[in-house]
C-alpha atoms as a PDB file:
ATOM      1  CA  MET A   1      82.823 -18.451  17.143  1.00  0.00           C
ATOM      2  CA  ALA A   2      79.231 -19.679  16.927  1.00  0.00           C
ATOM      3  CA  ILE A   3      80.223 -23.352  16.803  1.00  0.00           C
ATOM      4  CA  LEU A   4      82.544 -22.906  19.790  1.00  0.00           C
ATOM      5  CA  GLU A   5      79.795 -20.977  21.649  1.00  0.00           C
ATOM      6  CA  ARG A   6      82.011 -17.910  22.047  1.00  0.00           C
ATOM      7  CA  LEU A   7      79.612 -15.252  20.761  1.00  0.00           C
ATOM      8  CA  PRO A   8      78.591 -12.680  23.379  1.00  0.00           C
ATOM      9  CA  THR A   9      74.935 -13.680  23.588  1.00  0.00           C
ATOM     10  CA  ARG A  10      72.890 -12.096  26.341  1.00  0.00           C
ATOM     11  CA  GLU A  11      72.888 -15.329  28.335  1.00  0.00           C
ATOM     12  CA  ARG A  12      76.677 -15.563  28.094  1.00  0.00           C
ATOM     13  CA  LEU A  13      77.126 -11.903  29.075  1.00  0.00           C
ATOM     14  CA  LEU A  14      74.917 -12.454  32.141  1.00  0.00           C
ATOM     15  CA  ARG A  15      76.996 -15.514  33.105  1.00  0.00           C
ATOM     16  CA  MET A  16      80.120 -13.318  32.927  1.00  0.00           C
ATOM     17  CA  GLY A  17      78.468 -10.823  35.288  1.00  0.00           C
ATOM     18  CA  ILE A  18      77.864  -8.167  32.635  1.00  0.00           C
ATOM     19  CA  GLN A  19      74.567  -6.320  32.995  1.00  0.00           C
ATOM     20  CA  VAL A  20      72.209  -6.335  30.013  1.00  0.00           C
ATOM     21  CA  ASP A  21      68.752  -4.800  29.651  1.00  0.00           C
ATOM     22  CA  SER A  22      67.071  -8.158  29.238  1.00  0.00           C
ATOM     23  CA  GLY A  23      68.176 -11.715  28.688  1.00  0.00           C
ATOM     24  CA  LEU A  24      65.515 -12.283  26.051  1.00  0.00           C
ATOM     25  CA  CYS A  25      66.277 -12.872  22.387  1.00  0.00           C
ATOM     26  CA  VAL A  26      66.485  -9.523  20.572  1.00  0.00           C
ATOM     27  CA  ILE A  27      64.928 -11.013  17.445  1.00  0.00           C
ATOM     28  CA  CYS A  28      61.810 -12.768  18.779  1.00  0.00           C
ATOM     29  CA  GLY A  29      61.660 -11.685  22.437  1.00  0.00           C
ATOM     30  CA  ARG A  30      60.338 -15.106  23.490  1.00  0.00           C
ATOM     31  CA  GLU A  31      63.234 -16.956  25.099  1.00  0.00           C
ATOM     32  CA  MET A  32      66.627 -16.408  26.678  1.00  0.00           C
ATOM     33  CA  GLU A  33      69.161 -15.387  24.032  1.00  0.00           C
ATOM     34  CA  LYS A  34      71.475 -18.396  23.920  1.00  0.00           C
ATOM     35  CA  ARG A  35      73.381 -19.649  20.905  1.00  0.00           C
ATOM     36  CA  ASN A  36      71.101 -22.655  20.418  1.00  0.00           C
ATOM     37  CA  HIS A  37      68.010 -20.472  20.540  1.00  0.00           C
ATOM     38  CA  LEU A  38      69.375 -17.615  18.467  1.00  0.00           C
ATOM     39  CA  PHE A  39      70.467 -19.745  15.525  1.00  0.00           C
ATOM     40  CA  LEU A  40      67.750 -22.377  15.247  1.00  0.00           C
ATOM     41  CA  GLY A  41      65.382 -22.138  18.203  1.00  0.00           C
ATOM     42  CA  CYS A  42      64.214 -18.642  17.266  1.00  0.00           C
ATOM     43  CA  VAL A  43      61.297 -18.822  14.817  1.00  0.00           C
ATOM     44  CA  TYR A  44      62.911 -16.129  12.669  1.00  0.00           C
ATOM     45  CA  ALA A  45      66.186 -18.039  12.227  1.00  0.00           C
ATOM     46  CA  LYS A  46      64.424 -21.379  11.855  1.00  0.00           C
ATOM     47  CA  HIS A  47      62.245 -20.001   9.065  1.00  0.00           C
ATOM     48  CA  LEU A  48      65.253 -18.431   7.351  1.00  0.00           C
ATOM     49  CA  TRP A  49      67.297 -21.645   7.476  1.00  0.00           C
ATOM     50  CA  GLY A  50      64.279 -23.584   6.185  1.00  0.00           C
ATOM     51  CA  SER A  51      64.038 -21.158   3.249  1.00  0.00           C
ATOM     52  CA  ILE A  52      67.731 -21.572   2.470  1.00  0.00           C
ATOM     53  CA  ARG A  53      67.459 -25.347   2.652  1.00  0.00           C
ATOM     54  CA  SER A  54      64.481 -25.359   0.306  1.00  0.00           C
ATOM     55  CA  LEU A  55      66.465 -23.211  -2.154  1.00  0.00           C
ATOM     56  CA  CYS A  56      69.118 -25.936  -2.052  1.00  0.00           C
ATOM     57  CA  SER A  57      66.445 -28.651  -2.553  1.00  0.00           C
ATOM     58  CA  LEU A  58      66.896 -30.157   0.922  1.00  0.00           C
ATOM     59  CA  SER A  59      63.495 -31.354   1.987  1.00  0.00           C
ATOM     60  CA  ARG A  60      64.032 -32.646   5.526  1.00  0.00           C
ATOM     61  CA  ASN A  61      62.677 -30.681   8.480  1.00  0.00           C
ATOM     62  CA  VAL A  62      64.830 -28.092  10.219  1.00  0.00           C
ATOM     63  CA  GLY A  63      66.168 -29.414  13.507  1.00  0.00           C
ATOM     64  CA  SER A  64      67.833 -27.865  16.531  1.00  0.00           C
ATOM     65  CA  TRP A  65      71.277 -26.234  16.385  1.00  0.00           C
ATOM     66  CA  GLY A  66      72.890 -29.490  17.499  1.00  0.00           C
ATOM     67  CA  GLN A  67      70.979 -31.587  14.961  1.00  0.00           C
ATOM     68  CA  GLU A  68      71.772 -29.230  12.091  1.00  0.00           C
ATOM     69  CA  LEU A  69      75.434 -29.016  13.090  1.00  0.00           C
ATOM     70  CA  ASP A  70      75.666 -32.829  13.298  1.00  0.00           C
ATOM     71  CA  TRP A  71      74.001 -33.090   9.891  1.00  0.00           C
ATOM     72  CA  ALA A  72      76.419 -30.520   8.425  1.00  0.00           C
ATOM     73  CA  LEU A  73      79.488 -32.248   9.869  1.00  0.00           C
ATOM     74  CA  SER A  74      78.453 -35.609   8.470  1.00  0.00           C
ATOM     75  CA  HIS A  75      77.162 -34.473   5.057  1.00  0.00           C
ATOM     76  CA  LEU A  76      79.221 -31.448   4.062  1.00  0.00           C
ATOM     77  CA  LYS A  77      82.429 -33.251   3.199  1.00  0.00           C
ATOM     78  CA  GLY A  78      84.284 -33.097  -0.068  1.00  0.00           C
ATOM     79  CA  LYS A  79      84.452 -30.499  -2.783  1.00  0.00           C
ATOM     80  CA  SER A  80      81.387 -31.116  -4.904  1.00  0.00           C
ATOM     81  CA  LEU A  81      79.451 -28.078  -6.054  1.00  0.00           C
ATOM     82  CA  ILE A  82      76.453 -28.731  -3.787  1.00  0.00           C
ATOM     83  CA  VAL A  83      78.732 -29.226  -0.764  1.00  0.00           C
ATOM     84  CA  LEU A  84      80.520 -25.936  -1.448  1.00  0.00           C
ATOM     85  CA  ILE A  85      77.210 -24.112  -1.885  1.00  0.00           C
ATOM     86  CA  LEU A  86      75.800 -25.590   1.341  1.00  0.00           C
ATOM     87  CA  LYS A  87      78.935 -24.689   3.314  1.00  0.00           C
ATOM     88  CA  LEU A  88      78.687 -21.159   1.991  1.00  0.00           C
ATOM     89  CA  ALA A  89      74.960 -21.040   2.775  1.00  0.00           C
ATOM     90  CA  TRP A  90      75.589 -22.256   6.361  1.00  0.00           C
ATOM     91  CA  SER A  91      78.281 -19.638   7.038  1.00  0.00           C
ATOM     92  CA  CYS A  92      76.212 -16.866   5.482  1.00  0.00           C
ATOM     93  CA  PHE A  93      73.202 -17.957   7.547  1.00  0.00           C
ATOM     94  CA  VAL A  94      75.150 -17.827  10.826  1.00  0.00           C
ATOM     95  CA  TYR A  95      76.719 -14.480   9.927  1.00  0.00           C
ATOM     96  CA  SER A  96      73.387 -13.005   8.836  1.00  0.00           C
ATOM     97  CA  VAL A  97      71.498 -14.066  11.963  1.00  0.00           C
ATOM     98  CA  TRP A  98      74.231 -12.528  14.135  1.00  0.00           C
ATOM     99  CA  GLU A  99      74.192  -9.387  11.989  1.00  0.00           C
ATOM    100  CA  GLU A 100      70.391  -9.109  12.330  1.00  0.00           C
ATOM    101  CA  ARG A 101      70.675  -9.575  16.086  1.00  0.00           C
ATOM    102  CA  ASN A 102      73.197  -6.729  16.277  1.00  0.00           C
ATOM    103  CA  PHE A 103      71.174  -4.563  13.891  1.00  0.00           C
ATOM    104  CA  ARG A 104      68.152  -4.853  16.191  1.00  0.00           C
ATOM    105  CA  LEU A 105      70.179  -4.478  19.371  1.00  0.00           C
ATOM    106  CA  PHE A 106      72.205  -1.429  18.373  1.00  0.00           C
ATOM    107  CA  ARG A 107      69.921   0.307  15.867  1.00  0.00           C
ATOM    108  CA  GLY A 108      66.612  -0.553  17.490  1.00  0.00           C
ATOM    109  CA  LYS A 109      64.915  -1.799  14.352  1.00  0.00           C
ATOM    110  CA  GLY A 110      64.735  -5.043  12.463  1.00  0.00           C
ATOM    111  CA  ARG A 111      64.537  -5.975   8.848  1.00  0.00           C
ATOM    112  CA  LEU A 112      61.738  -7.997   7.290  1.00  0.00           C
ATOM    113  CA  LEU A 113      62.398 -11.693   6.819  1.00  0.00           C
ATOM    114  CA  LYS A 114      61.700 -11.327   3.092  1.00  0.00           C
ATOM    115  CA  TRP A 115      64.453  -8.695   2.820  1.00  0.00           C
ATOM    116  CA  PHE A 116      66.717 -10.743   5.064  1.00  0.00           C
ATOM    117  CA  ARG A 117      66.383 -13.825   2.833  1.00  0.00           C
ATOM    118  CA  TYR A 118      67.033 -11.730  -0.279  1.00  0.00           C
ATOM    119  CA  ALA A 119      70.159 -10.186   1.298  1.00  0.00           C
ATOM    120  CA  LEU A 120      71.385 -13.630   2.282  1.00  0.00           C
ATOM    121  CA  GLU A 121      70.898 -14.961  -1.251  1.00  0.00           C
ATOM    122  CA  GLU A 122      72.837 -11.963  -2.595  1.00  0.00           C
ATOM    123  CA  GLU A 123      75.646 -12.546  -0.090  1.00  0.00           C
ATOM    124  CA  ILE A 124      75.922 -16.202  -1.093  1.00  0.00           C
ATOM    125  CA  LEU A 125      76.023 -15.263  -4.782  1.00  0.00           C
ATOM    126  CA  ALA A 126      78.606 -12.532  -4.180  1.00  0.00           C
ATOM    127  CA  ARG A 127      80.907 -14.879  -2.260  1.00  0.00           C
ATOM    128  CA  TRP A 128      80.412 -17.620  -4.821  1.00  0.00           C
ATOM    129  CA  MET A 129      81.553 -15.304  -7.615  1.00  0.00           C
ATOM    130  CA  LEU A 130      84.874 -14.481  -5.879  1.00  0.00           C
END
């Protein structure tokens, strides 16, 4: 859904004529909540993805959503262990950012980035063990 830009972000809801309190990102409150911003334009998500990449020993700088998606499509091919781990990390990252967005939107409180990274690491490990 995220890759196809089908998630109901605030910007997308406004385009469909659905009223929302604000069009700003629920996580950082700095820019319009669009897919590209939410997943790698938002400082929170960018920092989280950078942390995940450093855990996987990827040292290049974090780019935009489009740059990271292009990188993933060209490098995450095959069935090697690192490729499987990175694919899992990418899907867990996207899911976790969306979950945090909904947590803040519907519960009115956010979780600390430190906790968020820990939860993401646990999710990756849990899925890996299946």
